[in-house]
Amino acid sequence: ALTGCITPTTIGDRGCEGVSVTYSHINVEAWTDGYKPEWDALRTKYPDMAPVNLGNMGYNGKTSYYFPSKVRDEAWENEGLNLDFFRGYNISWHDAAKYFDTPNALNVSTLRPCNDTRLWITSAMRFYAKLTGDWDGVEIVGEEVYGKCFDGHFWLPPACRRNF
């Protein structure tokens, strides 16, 4: 939207070609750590329209997960399980799953399907697979590389695939 693209959330065609006016002039917060190749391509392809980073809001953040403090506190109080720390999710030591709903509990009609997300951006998924070696997490169709989704809405990391 900041670049003037008329359909910025449409993965296949964001509507950026031929645009010379942008009606969105400011973005207060953007979590772009995982999108560096896309931002670089945007600045290369549309140098006159690409957003310019003019600084930060006084803090730096990283993309992360969120769950209610009640869940975190319950796990800690019941068994000393620290859900704020990645090692708390080691299934050989703890069963963190019992504090969360399963994917089957979600109403998928409220979610975007995988083919309408970053999982369908070939450059991003090829980069992911090369970086991690997780070629089982992607599907290759001709020259295209897509995230391998289950039920059309869920991409699962390697450790979770055997349970779904």
N, C-alpha and C. Protein backbone atom coordinates (compact mmCIF):
# COMPACT_ATOMS: atom_id res chain seq x y z
N ALA A 1 0.83 -1.19 0.00
CA ALA A 1 0.00 0.00 0.00
C ALA A 1 0.87 1.25 0.00
N LEU A 2 1.97 1.24 0.76
CA LEU A 2 2.84 2.42 0.80
C LEU A 2 3.49 2.70 -0.54
N THR A 3 3.65 1.68 -1.35
CA THR A 3 4.27 1.85 -2.66
C THR A 3 3.22 2.22 -3.71
N GLY A 4 1.97 2.24 -3.33
CA GLY A 4 0.90 2.57 -4.26
C GLY A 4 0.24 1.36 -4.86
N CYS A 5 0.68 0.16 -4.49
CA CYS A 5 0.08 -1.06 -5.02
C CYS A 5 -1.39 -1.09 -4.65
N ILE A 6 -2.24 -1.41 -5.61
CA ILE A 6 -3.69 -1.34 -5.36
C ILE A 6 -4.25 -2.61 -4.71
N THR A 7 -3.52 -3.73 -4.82
CA THR A 7 -3.94 -4.97 -4.15
C THR A 7 -2.74 -5.56 -3.42
N PRO A 8 -2.21 -4.88 -2.40
CA PRO A 8 -0.95 -5.28 -1.78
C PRO A 8 -0.98 -6.62 -1.07
N THR A 9 -2.14 -7.12 -0.71
CA THR A 9 -2.19 -8.40 0.00
C THR A 9 -2.45 -9.58 -0.92
N THR A 10 -2.57 -9.34 -2.21
CA THR A 10 -2.78 -10.43 -3.17
C THR A 10 -1.41 -10.96 -3.60
N ILE A 11 -1.10 -12.18 -3.19
CA ILE A 11 0.23 -12.74 -3.42
C ILE A 11 0.60 -12.78 -4.90
N GLY A 12 -0.26 -13.25 -5.76
CA GLY A 12 0.07 -13.42 -7.17
C GLY A 12 0.27 -12.12 -7.92
N ASP A 13 -0.52 -11.10 -7.62
CA ASP A 13 -0.41 -9.81 -8.31
C ASP A 13 -0.78 -8.71 -7.32
N ARG A 14 0.21 -8.04 -6.82
CA ARG A 14 -0.02 -7.01 -5.80
C ARG A 14 -0.50 -5.68 -6.39
N GLY A 15 -0.62 -5.64 -7.72
CA GLY A 15 -1.15 -4.44 -8.37
C GLY A 15 -0.21 -3.25 -8.33
N CYS A 16 1.08 -3.49 -8.49
CA CYS A 16 2.07 -2.41 -8.40
C CYS A 16 2.47 -1.85 -9.76
N GLU A 17 2.27 -2.60 -10.81
CA GLU A 17 2.71 -2.17 -12.14
C GLU A 17 1.94 -0.94 -12.60
N GLY A 18 2.65 0.04 -13.12
CA GLY A 18 2.03 1.23 -13.70
C GLY A 18 1.49 2.22 -12.67
N VAL A 19 1.71 2.00 -11.41
CA VAL A 19 1.21 2.90 -10.38
C VAL A 19 2.17 4.07 -10.23
N SER A 20 1.62 5.29 -10.19
CA SER A 20 2.48 6.46 -10.02
C SER A 20 2.04 7.34 -8.86
N VAL A 21 0.99 6.92 -8.15
CA VAL A 21 0.50 7.68 -7.01
C VAL A 21 0.29 6.72 -5.85
N THR A 22 0.66 7.15 -4.66
CA THR A 22 0.37 6.37 -3.46
C THR A 22 -0.53 7.20 -2.54
N TYR A 23 -1.55 6.56 -2.00
CA TYR A 23 -2.48 7.25 -1.12
C TYR A 23 -2.20 6.95 0.35
N SER A 24 -1.29 6.04 0.61
CA SER A 24 -0.85 5.74 1.97
C SER A 24 0.55 6.31 2.11
N HIS A 25 0.74 7.20 3.06
CA HIS A 25 2.00 7.92 3.15
C HIS A 25 2.83 7.60 4.39
N ILE A 26 2.25 6.87 5.33
CA ILE A 26 2.99 6.59 6.55
C ILE A 26 2.59 5.22 7.10
N ASN A 27 3.57 4.53 7.62
CA ASN A 27 3.34 3.28 8.32
C ASN A 27 4.04 3.42 9.67
N VAL A 28 3.29 3.29 10.74
CA VAL A 28 3.83 3.55 12.06
C VAL A 28 4.67 2.39 12.57
N GLU A 29 4.32 1.18 12.17
CA GLU A 29 5.05 0.02 12.67
C GLU A 29 5.04 -1.09 11.62
N ALA A 30 6.19 -1.63 11.33
CA ALA A 30 6.28 -2.72 10.36
C ALA A 30 7.27 -3.76 10.89
N TRP A 31 6.89 -5.02 10.85
CA TRP A 31 7.73 -6.12 11.31
C TRP A 31 8.28 -6.80 10.06
N THR A 32 9.43 -6.34 9.60
CA THR A 32 9.93 -6.77 8.30
C THR A 32 11.17 -7.64 8.36
N ASP A 33 11.56 -8.11 9.53
CA ASP A 33 12.79 -8.91 9.63
C ASP A 33 12.81 -10.08 8.65
N GLY A 34 11.72 -10.75 8.49
CA GLY A 34 11.67 -11.92 7.63
C GLY A 34 11.41 -11.61 6.18
N TYR A 35 11.36 -10.34 5.82
CA TYR A 35 11.00 -9.95 4.46
C TYR A 35 12.08 -9.16 3.74
N LYS A 36 13.32 -9.25 4.18
CA LYS A 36 14.38 -8.45 3.58
C LYS A 36 14.49 -8.63 2.06
N PRO A 37 14.46 -9.87 1.54
CA PRO A 37 14.55 -10.01 0.07
C PRO A 37 13.40 -9.29 -0.66
N GLU A 38 12.19 -9.33 -0.09
CA GLU A 38 11.05 -8.66 -0.72
C GLU A 38 11.21 -7.14 -0.68
N TRP A 39 11.69 -6.61 0.46
CA TRP A 39 11.92 -5.17 0.56
C TRP A 39 13.00 -4.73 -0.41
N ASP A 40 14.06 -5.50 -0.53
CA ASP A 40 15.13 -5.16 -1.47
C ASP A 40 14.61 -5.16 -2.91
N ALA A 41 13.82 -6.18 -3.25
CA ALA A 41 13.26 -6.26 -4.61
C ALA A 41 12.32 -5.08 -4.88
N LEU A 42 11.54 -4.71 -3.88
CA LEU A 42 10.62 -3.59 -4.02
C LEU A 42 11.37 -2.29 -4.29
N ARG A 43 12.45 -2.07 -3.54
CA ARG A 43 13.26 -0.86 -3.75
C ARG A 43 13.96 -0.86 -5.10
N THR A 44 14.33 -2.04 -5.59
CA THR A 44 14.99 -2.13 -6.89
C THR A 44 13.99 -1.91 -8.02
N LYS A 45 12.82 -2.55 -7.92
CA LYS A 45 11.84 -2.49 -9.01
C LYS A 45 11.07 -1.16 -9.05
N TYR A 46 10.82 -0.56 -7.88
CA TYR A 46 10.05 0.68 -7.82
C TYR A 46 10.80 1.74 -7.00
N PRO A 47 11.97 2.17 -7.45
CA PRO A 47 12.79 3.07 -6.63
C PRO A 47 12.12 4.40 -6.29
N ASP A 48 11.27 4.90 -7.16
CA ASP A 48 10.62 6.19 -6.90
C ASP A 48 9.43 6.07 -5.96
N MET A 49 8.88 4.84 -5.81
CA MET A 49 7.67 4.67 -5.01
C MET A 49 7.91 3.85 -3.73
N ALA A 50 9.07 3.21 -3.62
CA ALA A 50 9.32 2.33 -2.47
C ALA A 50 9.35 3.12 -1.17
N PRO A 51 8.85 2.52 -0.09
CA PRO A 51 8.88 3.20 1.21
C PRO A 51 10.32 3.47 1.66
N VAL A 52 10.48 4.52 2.42
CA VAL A 52 11.78 4.90 2.97
C VAL A 52 11.68 4.81 4.49
N ASN A 53 12.61 4.12 5.11
CA ASN A 53 12.64 4.01 6.56
C ASN A 53 13.24 5.29 7.13
N LEU A 54 12.44 6.04 7.87
CA LEU A 54 12.90 7.30 8.44
C LEU A 54 13.29 7.18 9.91
N GLY A 55 13.35 5.97 10.41
CA GLY A 55 13.75 5.77 11.80
C GLY A 55 12.80 4.84 12.51
N ASN A 56 12.96 4.75 13.84
CA ASN A 56 12.10 3.86 14.60
C ASN A 56 11.29 4.65 15.63
N MET A 57 10.43 3.94 16.34
CA MET A 57 9.53 4.57 17.31
C MET A 57 10.14 4.57 18.72
N GLY A 58 11.42 4.26 18.82
CA GLY A 58 12.06 4.25 20.12
C GLY A 58 12.28 2.87 20.68
N TYR A 59 11.94 1.86 19.92
CA TYR A 59 12.17 0.49 20.35
C TYR A 59 12.39 -0.37 19.12
N ASN A 60 13.11 -1.44 19.31
CA ASN A 60 13.30 -2.41 18.24
C ASN A 60 12.62 -3.70 18.67
N GLY A 61 11.99 -4.38 17.76
CA GLY A 61 11.31 -5.62 18.08
C GLY A 61 11.65 -6.70 17.09
N LYS A 62 11.34 -7.89 17.46
CA LYS A 62 11.51 -9.05 16.60
C LYS A 62 10.18 -9.78 16.55
N THR A 63 9.94 -10.46 15.46
CA THR A 63 8.72 -11.25 15.34
C THR A 63 8.76 -12.37 16.36
N SER A 64 7.63 -12.62 16.99
CA SER A 64 7.58 -13.63 18.03
C SER A 64 6.18 -14.22 18.10
N TYR A 65 5.93 -15.01 19.11
CA TYR A 65 4.62 -15.60 19.32
C TYR A 65 3.96 -14.94 20.51
N TYR A 66 2.67 -15.13 20.63
CA TYR A 66 1.93 -14.58 21.75
C TYR A 66 0.97 -15.63 22.28
N PHE A 67 0.86 -15.70 23.57
CA PHE A 67 -0.20 -16.46 24.21
C PHE A 67 -0.53 -15.77 25.52
N PRO A 68 -1.73 -15.98 26.04
CA PRO A 68 -2.14 -15.27 27.26
C PRO A 68 -1.25 -15.60 28.46
N SER A 69 -1.03 -14.62 29.32
CA SER A 69 -0.21 -14.83 30.51
C SER A 69 -0.80 -15.91 31.40
N LYS A 70 -2.12 -16.10 31.35
CA LYS A 70 -2.76 -17.15 32.15
C LYS A 70 -2.20 -18.53 31.77
N VAL A 71 -2.01 -18.77 30.48
CA VAL A 71 -1.44 -20.03 30.00
C VAL A 71 -0.01 -20.18 30.48
N ARG A 72 0.78 -19.12 30.30
CA ARG A 72 2.17 -19.15 30.75
C ARG A 72 2.27 -19.42 32.25
N ASP A 73 1.46 -18.72 33.02
CA ASP A 73 1.50 -18.87 34.48
C ASP A 73 1.05 -20.25 34.92
N GLU A 74 0.03 -20.80 34.27
CA GLU A 74 -0.45 -22.14 34.62
C GLU A 74 0.64 -23.19 34.40
N ALA A 75 1.33 -23.13 33.29
CA ALA A 75 2.41 -24.09 33.00
C ALA A 75 3.53 -23.95 34.03
N TRP A 76 3.86 -22.73 34.41
CA TRP A 76 4.92 -22.51 35.38
C TRP A 76 4.52 -23.02 36.77
N GLU A 77 3.31 -22.67 37.18
CA GLU A 77 2.84 -23.06 38.51
C GLU A 77 2.61 -24.57 38.63
N ASN A 78 2.12 -25.19 37.57
CA ASN A 78 1.83 -26.63 37.63
C ASN A 78 3.08 -27.50 37.61
N GLU A 79 4.06 -27.12 36.79
CA GLU A 79 5.21 -28.01 36.64
C GLU A 79 6.54 -27.32 36.38
N GLY A 80 6.59 -26.00 36.61
CA GLY A 80 7.84 -25.28 36.39
C GLY A 80 8.22 -25.21 34.93
N LEU A 81 7.24 -25.31 34.04
CA LEU A 81 7.48 -25.28 32.60
C LEU A 81 7.50 -23.83 32.13
N ASN A 82 8.62 -23.39 31.58
CA ASN A 82 8.80 -22.02 31.12
C ASN A 82 8.45 -21.93 29.64
N LEU A 83 7.25 -21.45 29.34
CA LEU A 83 6.82 -21.33 27.94
C LEU A 83 7.41 -20.11 27.24
N ASP A 84 8.11 -19.26 27.99
CA ASP A 84 8.78 -18.11 27.39
C ASP A 84 10.12 -18.49 26.77
N PHE A 85 10.56 -19.69 27.00
CA PHE A 85 11.89 -20.13 26.57
C PHE A 85 11.75 -21.32 25.64
N PHE A 86 12.44 -21.29 24.51
CA PHE A 86 12.26 -22.32 23.50
C PHE A 86 12.51 -23.73 24.03
N ARG A 87 13.37 -23.89 25.00
CA ARG A 87 13.66 -25.23 25.50
C ARG A 87 12.50 -25.82 26.29
N GLY A 88 11.55 -25.00 26.67
CA GLY A 88 10.36 -25.50 27.35
C GLY A 88 9.48 -26.34 26.44
N TYR A 89 9.75 -26.29 25.14
CA TYR A 89 8.94 -27.02 24.17
C TYR A 89 9.58 -28.34 23.75
N ASN A 90 10.63 -28.77 24.41
CA ASN A 90 11.30 -30.04 24.10
C ASN A 90 10.41 -31.17 24.58
N ILE A 91 9.80 -31.87 23.65
CA ILE A 91 8.82 -32.91 23.98
C ILE A 91 9.42 -34.09 24.74
N SER A 92 10.72 -34.27 24.67
CA SER A 92 11.32 -35.36 25.44
C SER A 92 11.39 -35.02 26.93
N TRP A 93 11.21 -33.76 27.28
CA TRP A 93 11.24 -33.35 28.68
C TRP A 93 9.86 -32.91 29.21
N HIS A 94 9.07 -32.27 28.36
CA HIS A 94 7.79 -31.69 28.79
C HIS A 94 6.72 -31.91 27.73
N ASP A 95 5.48 -31.85 28.16
CA ASP A 95 4.36 -31.89 27.23
C ASP A 95 3.69 -30.53 27.23
N ALA A 96 4.30 -29.56 26.56
CA ALA A 96 3.75 -28.21 26.50
C ALA A 96 2.42 -28.17 25.76
N ALA A 97 2.17 -29.14 24.89
CA ALA A 97 0.95 -29.15 24.08
C ALA A 97 -0.31 -29.16 24.93
N LYS A 98 -0.25 -29.71 26.12
CA LYS A 98 -1.47 -29.80 26.93
C LYS A 98 -1.98 -28.42 27.37
N TYR A 99 -1.18 -27.39 27.21
CA TYR A 99 -1.59 -26.04 27.56
C TYR A 99 -2.19 -25.27 26.38
N PHE A 100 -2.28 -25.91 25.24
CA PHE A 100 -2.77 -25.25 24.04
C PHE A 100 -3.83 -26.10 23.34
N ASP A 101 -4.67 -25.45 22.56
CA ASP A 101 -5.62 -26.16 21.71
C ASP A 101 -4.87 -26.80 20.54
N THR A 102 -5.45 -27.82 19.98
CA THR A 102 -4.88 -28.42 18.77
C THR A 102 -5.32 -27.60 17.55
N PRO A 103 -4.63 -27.73 16.44
CA PRO A 103 -5.07 -27.01 15.23
C PRO A 103 -6.51 -27.36 14.83
N ASN A 104 -6.96 -28.56 15.15
CA ASN A 104 -8.32 -28.95 14.81
C ASN A 104 -9.38 -28.13 15.54
N ALA A 105 -9.00 -27.45 16.62
CA ALA A 105 -9.94 -26.64 17.39
C ALA A 105 -10.17 -25.27 16.74
N LEU A 106 -9.36 -24.92 15.78
CA LEU A 106 -9.48 -23.61 15.14
C LEU A 106 -10.55 -23.61 14.06
N ASN A 107 -11.24 -22.51 13.94
CA ASN A 107 -12.21 -22.31 12.88
C ASN A 107 -11.44 -21.78 11.67
N VAL A 108 -11.09 -22.66 10.75
CA VAL A 108 -10.24 -22.26 9.63
C VAL A 108 -10.90 -21.26 8.69
N SER A 109 -12.21 -21.08 8.79
CA SER A 109 -12.86 -20.09 7.93
C SER A 109 -12.41 -18.67 8.28
N THR A 110 -11.80 -18.50 9.45
CA THR A 110 -11.30 -17.18 9.85
C THR A 110 -9.83 -16.98 9.48
N LEU A 111 -9.21 -17.99 8.88
CA LEU A 111 -7.80 -17.94 8.52
C LEU A 111 -7.62 -17.79 7.02
N ARG A 112 -6.53 -17.20 6.63
CA ARG A 112 -6.19 -17.18 5.21
C ARG A 112 -5.66 -18.56 4.82
N PRO A 113 -6.01 -19.03 3.66
CA PRO A 113 -5.42 -20.30 3.21
C PRO A 113 -3.95 -20.08 2.86
N CYS A 114 -3.18 -21.13 2.92
CA CYS A 114 -1.74 -21.04 2.65
C CYS A 114 -1.43 -20.37 1.33
N ASN A 115 -2.23 -20.67 0.30
CA ASN A 115 -1.92 -20.11 -1.02
C ASN A 115 -2.20 -18.62 -1.12
N ASP A 116 -2.60 -18.00 -0.01
CA ASP A 116 -2.82 -16.56 0.04
C ASP A 116 -1.86 -15.93 1.06
N THR A 117 -0.75 -16.61 1.32
CA THR A 117 0.22 -16.13 2.32
C THR A 117 1.63 -16.18 1.75
N ARG A 118 2.57 -15.83 2.57
CA ARG A 118 3.99 -15.86 2.23
C ARG A 118 4.47 -17.26 1.85
N LEU A 119 3.74 -18.28 2.28
CA LEU A 119 4.11 -19.65 1.94
C LEU A 119 4.03 -19.91 0.43
N TRP A 120 3.43 -19.02 -0.30
CA TRP A 120 3.32 -19.18 -1.75
C TRP A 120 4.25 -18.23 -2.49
N ILE A 121 5.22 -17.66 -1.80
CA ILE A 121 6.22 -16.82 -2.45
C ILE A 121 7.46 -17.69 -2.67
N THR A 122 7.69 -18.06 -3.90
CA THR A 122 8.76 -18.99 -4.24
C THR A 122 10.11 -18.56 -3.68
N SER A 123 10.46 -17.29 -3.83
CA SER A 123 11.78 -16.85 -3.36
C SER A 123 11.92 -17.05 -1.85
N ALA A 124 10.87 -16.78 -1.10
CA ALA A 124 10.92 -16.94 0.36
C ALA A 124 11.03 -18.41 0.75
N MET A 125 10.27 -19.28 0.09
CA MET A 125 10.28 -20.69 0.45
C MET A 125 11.56 -21.38 -0.02
N ARG A 126 12.08 -20.97 -1.16
CA ARG A 126 13.36 -21.53 -1.62
C ARG A 126 14.47 -21.12 -0.64
N PHE A 127 14.46 -19.86 -0.20
CA PHE A 127 15.44 -19.37 0.77
C PHE A 127 15.31 -20.17 2.07
N TYR A 128 14.09 -20.37 2.55
CA TYR A 128 13.87 -21.14 3.77
C TYR A 128 14.45 -22.55 3.63
N ALA A 129 14.12 -23.23 2.55
CA ALA A 129 14.56 -24.63 2.37
C ALA A 129 16.08 -24.73 2.26
N LYS A 130 16.69 -23.80 1.53
CA LYS A 130 18.15 -23.82 1.41
C LYS A 130 18.82 -23.53 2.74
N LEU A 131 18.28 -22.59 3.48
CA LEU A 131 18.86 -22.21 4.77
C LEU A 131 18.75 -23.32 5.80
N THR A 132 17.59 -23.97 5.86
CA THR A 132 17.33 -24.96 6.91
C THR A 132 17.58 -26.40 6.47
N GLY A 133 17.58 -26.65 5.17
CA GLY A 133 17.67 -28.02 4.68
C GLY A 133 16.36 -28.77 4.80
N ASP A 134 15.29 -28.09 5.15
CA ASP A 134 13.97 -28.71 5.34
C ASP A 134 13.21 -28.77 4.01
N TRP A 135 13.68 -29.62 3.12
CA TRP A 135 13.02 -29.78 1.83
C TRP A 135 11.71 -30.54 1.95
N ASP A 136 11.48 -31.23 3.07
CA ASP A 136 10.20 -31.89 3.30
C ASP A 136 9.10 -30.89 3.65
N GLY A 137 9.48 -29.67 3.98
CA GLY A 137 8.50 -28.64 4.32
C GLY A 137 8.03 -27.82 3.14
N VAL A 138 8.51 -28.17 1.95
CA VAL A 138 8.12 -27.44 0.75
C VAL A 138 7.68 -28.41 -0.34
N GLU A 139 6.93 -27.88 -1.27
CA GLU A 139 6.55 -28.64 -2.48
C GLU A 139 7.17 -27.92 -3.66
N ILE A 140 7.73 -28.68 -4.57
CA ILE A 140 8.33 -28.10 -5.77
C ILE A 140 7.46 -28.47 -6.95
N VAL A 141 6.97 -27.45 -7.64
CA VAL A 141 6.12 -27.65 -8.81
C VAL A 141 6.78 -26.89 -9.96
N GLY A 142 7.45 -27.64 -10.83
CA GLY A 142 8.22 -26.99 -11.89
C GLY A 142 9.34 -26.17 -11.28
N GLU A 143 9.34 -24.88 -11.55
CA GLU A 143 10.34 -23.96 -10.99
C GLU A 143 9.86 -23.31 -9.69
N GLU A 144 8.61 -23.55 -9.33
CA GLU A 144 8.03 -22.91 -8.15
C GLU A 144 8.27 -23.74 -6.89
N VAL A 145 8.45 -23.06 -5.77
CA VAL A 145 8.63 -23.71 -4.47
C VAL A 145 7.59 -23.12 -3.52
N TYR A 146 6.74 -23.97 -2.96
CA TYR A 146 5.67 -23.54 -2.06
C TYR A 146 5.82 -24.22 -0.71
N GLY A 147 5.30 -23.57 0.33
CA GLY A 147 5.24 -24.21 1.63
C GLY A 147 4.26 -25.37 1.57
N LYS A 148 4.62 -26.51 2.14
CA LYS A 148 3.75 -27.68 2.15
C LYS A 148 2.75 -27.51 3.28
N CYS A 149 1.49 -27.34 2.93
CA CYS A 149 0.46 -27.09 3.92
C CYS A 149 -0.42 -28.31 4.14
N PHE A 150 -0.91 -28.39 5.36
CA PHE A 150 -1.81 -29.47 5.76
C PHE A 150 -3.18 -28.86 5.96
N ASP A 151 -4.18 -29.47 5.42
CA ASP A 151 -5.55 -28.95 5.48
C ASP A 151 -5.68 -27.58 4.83
N GLY A 152 -4.72 -27.19 3.99
CA GLY A 152 -4.81 -25.93 3.27
C GLY A 152 -4.54 -24.68 4.09
N HIS A 153 -4.36 -24.83 5.41
CA HIS A 153 -4.19 -23.66 6.27
C HIS A 153 -2.99 -23.71 7.20
N PHE A 154 -2.33 -24.87 7.32
CA PHE A 154 -1.28 -25.01 8.31
C PHE A 154 0.02 -25.50 7.69
N TRP A 155 1.09 -24.76 7.94
CA TRP A 155 2.43 -25.24 7.65
C TRP A 155 3.00 -25.64 8.99
N LEU A 156 3.60 -26.80 9.05
CA LEU A 156 4.13 -27.30 10.31
C LEU A 156 5.64 -27.44 10.25
N PRO A 157 6.32 -27.09 11.35
CA PRO A 157 7.77 -27.29 11.40
C PRO A 157 8.07 -28.80 11.49
N PRO A 158 9.29 -29.19 11.19
CA PRO A 158 9.63 -30.61 11.14
C PRO A 158 9.23 -31.41 12.39
N ALA A 159 9.45 -30.86 13.56
CA ALA A 159 9.17 -31.61 14.79
C ALA A 159 7.68 -31.86 15.00
N CYS A 160 6.81 -31.10 14.34
CA CYS A 160 5.37 -31.25 14.54
C CYS A 160 4.68 -32.09 13.46
N ARG A 161 5.34 -32.33 12.37
CA ARG A 161 4.68 -33.02 11.24
C ARG A 161 4.24 -34.42 11.57
N ARG A 162 4.95 -35.12 12.37
CA ARG A 162 4.57 -36.50 12.67
C ARG A 162 3.32 -36.59 13.53
N ASN A 163 2.94 -35.49 14.17
CA ASN A 163 1.79 -35.48 15.06
C ASN A 163 0.50 -34.98 14.40
N PHE A 164 0.58 -34.55 13.17
CA PHE A 164 -0.61 -33.94 12.54
C PHE A 164 -1.28 -34.89 11.60
